[in-house]
């Protein structure tokens, strides 16, 4: 399985800090790319893979081919995770990515993919950002973390008015990460299932810290 993607390149040929951003259910590769100029002053190489399964009723894509809770979704999510891992391997060889300054971000269903990717291979990433998502539910017991994951910086952002994924699931996700030995940072905003200007500003500060960039 090969994935299409969109790329924001800040210019230059020195090793770059990079962010892999996984969109949510029903969205596409252009969705999160719009954040690239805002994050860390546009200094990051941002790669936005597109989920492999086109949804039949509207222009959008899914990582599982269906709602994450639908039968058969877990196996498809695993296949999508392998495809994202292969895309990252390819990107590191194609672009001047600093391997020590690579972060992973997932919004909504993208976060359900990003979390197991990072927790199974934490030494690859400088940080994991989980936005408006959940890691609890039917597959929660299957989520594992290596010992090295305890040192992985994790940011969880969620909207208090989120109707798609209620904020209580974010609280439960933070608790699950703590059970796995991690120390996530949690931020809650007066927003719905979205990314706001305020949350983006906080995300920038976090990315600058974990990717070792001078603040602007």
Protein backbone atom coordinates (compact mmCIF):
# COMPACT_ATOMS: atom_id res chain seq x y z
CA UNK A 1 0.00 0.00 0.00
CA UNK A 2 1.45 3.36 -1.06
CA UNK A 3 0.06 6.66 0.20
CA UNK A 4 -0.34 9.98 -1.55
CA UNK A 5 0.83 12.98 0.45
CA UNK A 6 1.20 16.74 0.39
CA UNK A 7 4.39 18.50 1.49
CA UNK A 8 5.27 21.91 2.84
CA UNK A 9 8.99 22.63 2.44
CA UNK A 10 10.43 25.66 4.25
CA UNK A 11 13.40 25.90 1.90
CA UNK A 12 17.08 25.33 2.47
CA UNK A 13 19.23 22.24 2.13
CA UNK A 14 20.41 21.70 5.70
CA UNK A 15 18.88 18.89 7.78
CA UNK A 16 15.37 20.06 8.64
CA UNK A 17 13.10 19.52 11.62
CA UNK A 18 10.02 17.70 10.34
CA UNK A 19 6.42 16.91 11.26
CA UNK A 20 4.32 14.03 9.94
CA UNK A 21 0.65 15.04 10.28
CA UNK A 22 -2.17 12.48 9.98
CA UNK A 23 -5.62 13.88 9.16
CA UNK A 24 -8.95 12.78 10.57
CA UNK A 25 -11.83 10.65 9.30
CA UNK A 26 -13.47 12.07 6.17
CA UNK A 27 -10.67 14.52 5.46
CA UNK A 28 -7.70 14.49 3.05
CA UNK A 29 -4.02 15.33 2.66
CA UNK A 30 -4.57 19.07 2.18
CA UNK A 31 -6.45 19.54 5.44
CA UNK A 32 -3.61 19.83 7.97
CA UNK A 33 -1.17 21.24 5.43
CA UNK A 34 -2.80 24.63 5.97
CA UNK A 35 -1.26 24.69 9.46
CA UNK A 36 2.30 24.41 8.14
CA UNK A 37 3.03 28.12 7.70
CA UNK A 38 1.69 28.79 11.21
CA UNK A 39 3.66 26.11 13.05
CA UNK A 40 7.04 27.25 14.34
CA UNK A 41 7.00 30.18 11.94
CA UNK A 42 6.90 27.90 8.89
CA UNK A 43 10.32 26.42 9.69
CA UNK A 44 9.22 22.76 9.64
CA UNK A 45 9.14 20.33 6.76
CA UNK A 46 5.54 19.13 7.06
CA UNK A 47 4.37 15.94 5.37
CA UNK A 48 0.65 15.11 5.31
CA UNK A 49 -0.14 11.57 4.11
CA UNK A 50 -3.59 10.87 2.74
CA UNK A 51 -5.56 7.94 4.16
CA UNK A 52 -5.88 5.08 1.67
CA UNK A 53 -9.65 4.48 1.69
CA UNK A 54 -11.93 6.87 -0.19
CA UNK A 55 -15.33 7.23 1.41
CA UNK A 56 -18.18 6.60 -1.04
CA UNK A 57 -20.60 9.36 -0.12
CA UNK A 58 -18.37 12.45 -0.15
CA UNK A 59 -14.89 13.64 -0.99
CA UNK A 60 -12.97 12.33 1.95
CA UNK A 61 -10.79 9.47 3.11
CA UNK A 62 -10.50 7.08 6.05
CA UNK A 63 -7.56 5.26 7.59
CA UNK A 64 -9.75 2.24 8.32
CA UNK A 65 -12.20 2.29 5.40
CA UNK A 66 -15.04 2.91 7.84
CA UNK A 67 -15.80 4.45 11.18
CA UNK A 68 -13.01 3.35 13.58
CA UNK A 69 -15.48 1.29 15.58
CA UNK A 70 -16.85 -0.63 12.61
CA UNK A 71 -16.16 -4.38 12.20
CA UNK A 72 -12.87 -5.04 10.45
CA UNK A 73 -11.48 -1.57 11.13
CA UNK A 74 -8.61 -2.66 13.44
CA UNK A 75 -6.90 -4.76 10.75
CA UNK A 76 -7.19 -1.94 8.25
CA UNK A 77 -5.78 0.51 10.75
CA UNK A 78 -2.78 -1.80 11.20
CA UNK A 79 -2.26 -1.90 7.44
CA UNK A 80 -2.50 1.87 7.25
CA UNK A 81 0.05 2.18 10.06
CA UNK A 82 2.50 0.06 8.09
CA UNK A 83 1.93 2.28 5.05
CA UNK A 84 2.63 5.41 7.08
CA UNK A 85 5.78 3.84 8.51
CA UNK A 86 6.98 3.06 4.97
CA UNK A 87 6.19 6.61 3.85
CA UNK A 88 8.27 8.00 6.73
CA UNK A 89 11.19 5.73 5.81
CA UNK A 90 10.97 6.96 2.23
CA UNK A 91 10.70 10.62 3.26
CA UNK A 92 13.84 10.42 5.40
CA UNK A 93 15.82 9.18 2.40
CA UNK A 94 14.29 11.66 -0.08
CA UNK A 95 14.40 14.85 2.00
CA UNK A 96 16.99 16.44 4.23
CA UNK A 97 15.19 15.47 7.44
CA UNK A 98 17.10 15.65 10.68
CA UNK A 99 16.31 12.18 12.09
CA UNK A 100 16.65 13.48 15.65
CA UNK A 101 14.02 16.17 15.09
CA UNK A 102 11.03 14.31 13.69
CA UNK A 103 7.62 14.68 15.36
CA UNK A 104 4.36 12.83 14.71
CA UNK A 105 0.89 14.41 14.92
CA UNK A 106 -2.56 12.91 14.58
CA UNK A 107 -5.93 14.64 14.52
CA UNK A 108 -9.06 12.61 15.37
CA UNK A 109 -8.82 9.25 13.55
CA UNK A 110 -5.26 10.21 12.60
CA UNK A 111 -4.41 10.24 16.29
CA UNK A 112 -5.71 6.69 16.66
CA UNK A 113 -3.04 5.77 14.12
CA UNK A 114 -0.28 8.05 15.39
CA UNK A 115 -0.38 6.81 18.99
CA UNK A 116 0.45 3.13 18.34
CA UNK A 117 3.00 4.12 15.69
CA UNK A 118 4.92 6.28 18.14
CA UNK A 119 4.54 4.04 21.19
CA UNK A 120 5.89 1.01 19.33
CA UNK A 121 8.88 2.94 17.96
CA UNK A 122 9.36 5.89 20.34
CA UNK A 123 13.06 6.38 19.66
CA UNK A 124 12.25 7.45 16.12
CA UNK A 125 10.22 10.48 17.23
CA UNK A 126 11.09 13.63 19.16
CA UNK A 127 7.45 14.06 20.14
CA UNK A 128 3.86 12.89 19.65
CA UNK A 129 0.92 15.33 19.41
CA UNK A 130 -2.61 13.93 19.77
CA UNK A 131 -5.30 16.42 18.77
CA UNK A 132 -9.05 15.90 19.32
CA UNK A 133 -8.63 12.14 19.41
CA UNK A 134 -8.91 9.11 21.68
CA UNK A 135 -6.84 6.02 22.33
CA UNK A 136 -9.40 4.29 24.53
CA UNK A 137 -12.11 1.89 23.43
CA UNK A 138 -12.13 -1.61 21.99
CA UNK A 139 -8.39 -1.59 21.19
CA UNK A 140 -7.17 0.13 24.34
CA UNK A 141 -5.96 -3.09 25.93
CA UNK A 142 -3.92 -3.85 22.80
CA UNK A 143 -2.03 -0.55 22.96
CA UNK A 144 1.47 -1.20 24.25
CA UNK A 145 4.57 0.90 24.76
CA UNK A 146 8.24 0.01 24.92
CA UNK A 147 10.33 1.06 27.91
CA UNK A 148 11.81 3.89 25.83
CA UNK A 149 8.34 5.43 25.41
CA UNK A 150 8.53 6.83 28.94
CA UNK A 151 10.93 9.48 27.58
CA UNK A 152 8.71 10.43 24.63
CA UNK A 153 7.18 13.92 24.93
CA UNK A 154 3.41 13.72 24.34
CA UNK A 155 0.98 16.60 23.94
CA UNK A 156 -2.79 16.00 24.13
CA UNK A 157 -5.12 18.83 23.05
CA UNK A 158 -8.91 18.61 23.13
CA UNK A 159 -11.97 20.79 22.91
CA UNK A 160 -14.35 21.01 25.86
CA UNK A 161 -17.25 21.27 23.37
CA UNK A 162 -16.15 18.39 21.14
CA UNK A 163 -19.26 16.41 20.14
CA UNK A 164 -17.48 13.98 17.81
CA UNK A 165 -15.11 12.69 20.51
CA UNK A 166 -16.32 13.83 23.95
CA UNK A 167 -13.74 15.42 26.20
CA UNK A 168 -14.15 12.59 28.71
CA UNK A 169 -12.40 10.33 26.20
CA UNK A 170 -9.45 12.71 26.16
CA UNK A 171 -9.25 12.49 29.95
CA UNK A 172 -9.35 8.69 29.70
CA UNK A 173 -6.68 8.73 27.00
CA UNK A 174 -4.36 10.76 29.21
CA UNK A 175 -4.89 8.27 32.03
CA UNK A 176 -4.17 5.37 29.66
CA UNK A 177 -0.90 7.01 28.58
CA UNK A 178 0.08 7.40 32.22
CA UNK A 179 -0.67 3.71 32.82
CA UNK A 180 1.74 2.95 29.99
CA UNK A 181 4.48 4.90 31.74
CA UNK A 182 4.30 8.18 29.82
CA UNK A 183 3.86 11.71 31.17
CA UNK A 184 1.56 13.46 28.67
CA UNK A 185 0.90 17.19 28.75
CA UNK A 186 -2.82 17.93 28.55
CA UNK A 187 -4.46 21.12 27.26
CA UNK A 188 -8.19 21.75 27.03
CA UNK A 189 -9.76 24.56 25.02
CA UNK A 190 -13.26 26.07 24.67
CA UNK A 191 -13.66 24.66 21.15
CA UNK A 192 -15.42 21.86 19.28
CA UNK A 193 -13.85 19.12 17.11
CA UNK A 194 -11.27 21.42 15.60
CA UNK A 195 -7.94 23.19 15.86
CA UNK A 196 -8.15 26.79 17.04
CA UNK A 197 -5.69 29.66 16.77
CA UNK A 198 -5.03 29.42 20.50
CA UNK A 199 -4.38 25.68 20.40
CA UNK A 200 -2.15 26.12 17.35
CA UNK A 201 -0.08 28.73 19.18
CA UNK A 202 0.40 26.31 22.08
CA UNK A 203 1.24 23.51 19.64
CA UNK A 204 3.91 25.73 18.09
CA UNK A 205 5.53 26.37 21.46
CA UNK A 206 5.56 22.63 22.17
CA UNK A 207 7.04 21.79 18.75
CA UNK A 208 9.73 24.43 19.17
CA UNK A 209 10.67 22.82 22.48
CA UNK A 210 10.71 19.16 21.44
CA UNK A 211 12.33 19.88 18.04
CA UNK A 212 14.88 22.21 19.63
CA UNK A 213 14.01 25.34 17.69
CA UNK A 214 14.62 28.89 18.87
CA UNK A 215 11.26 30.48 19.82
CA UNK A 216 9.93 33.28 17.63
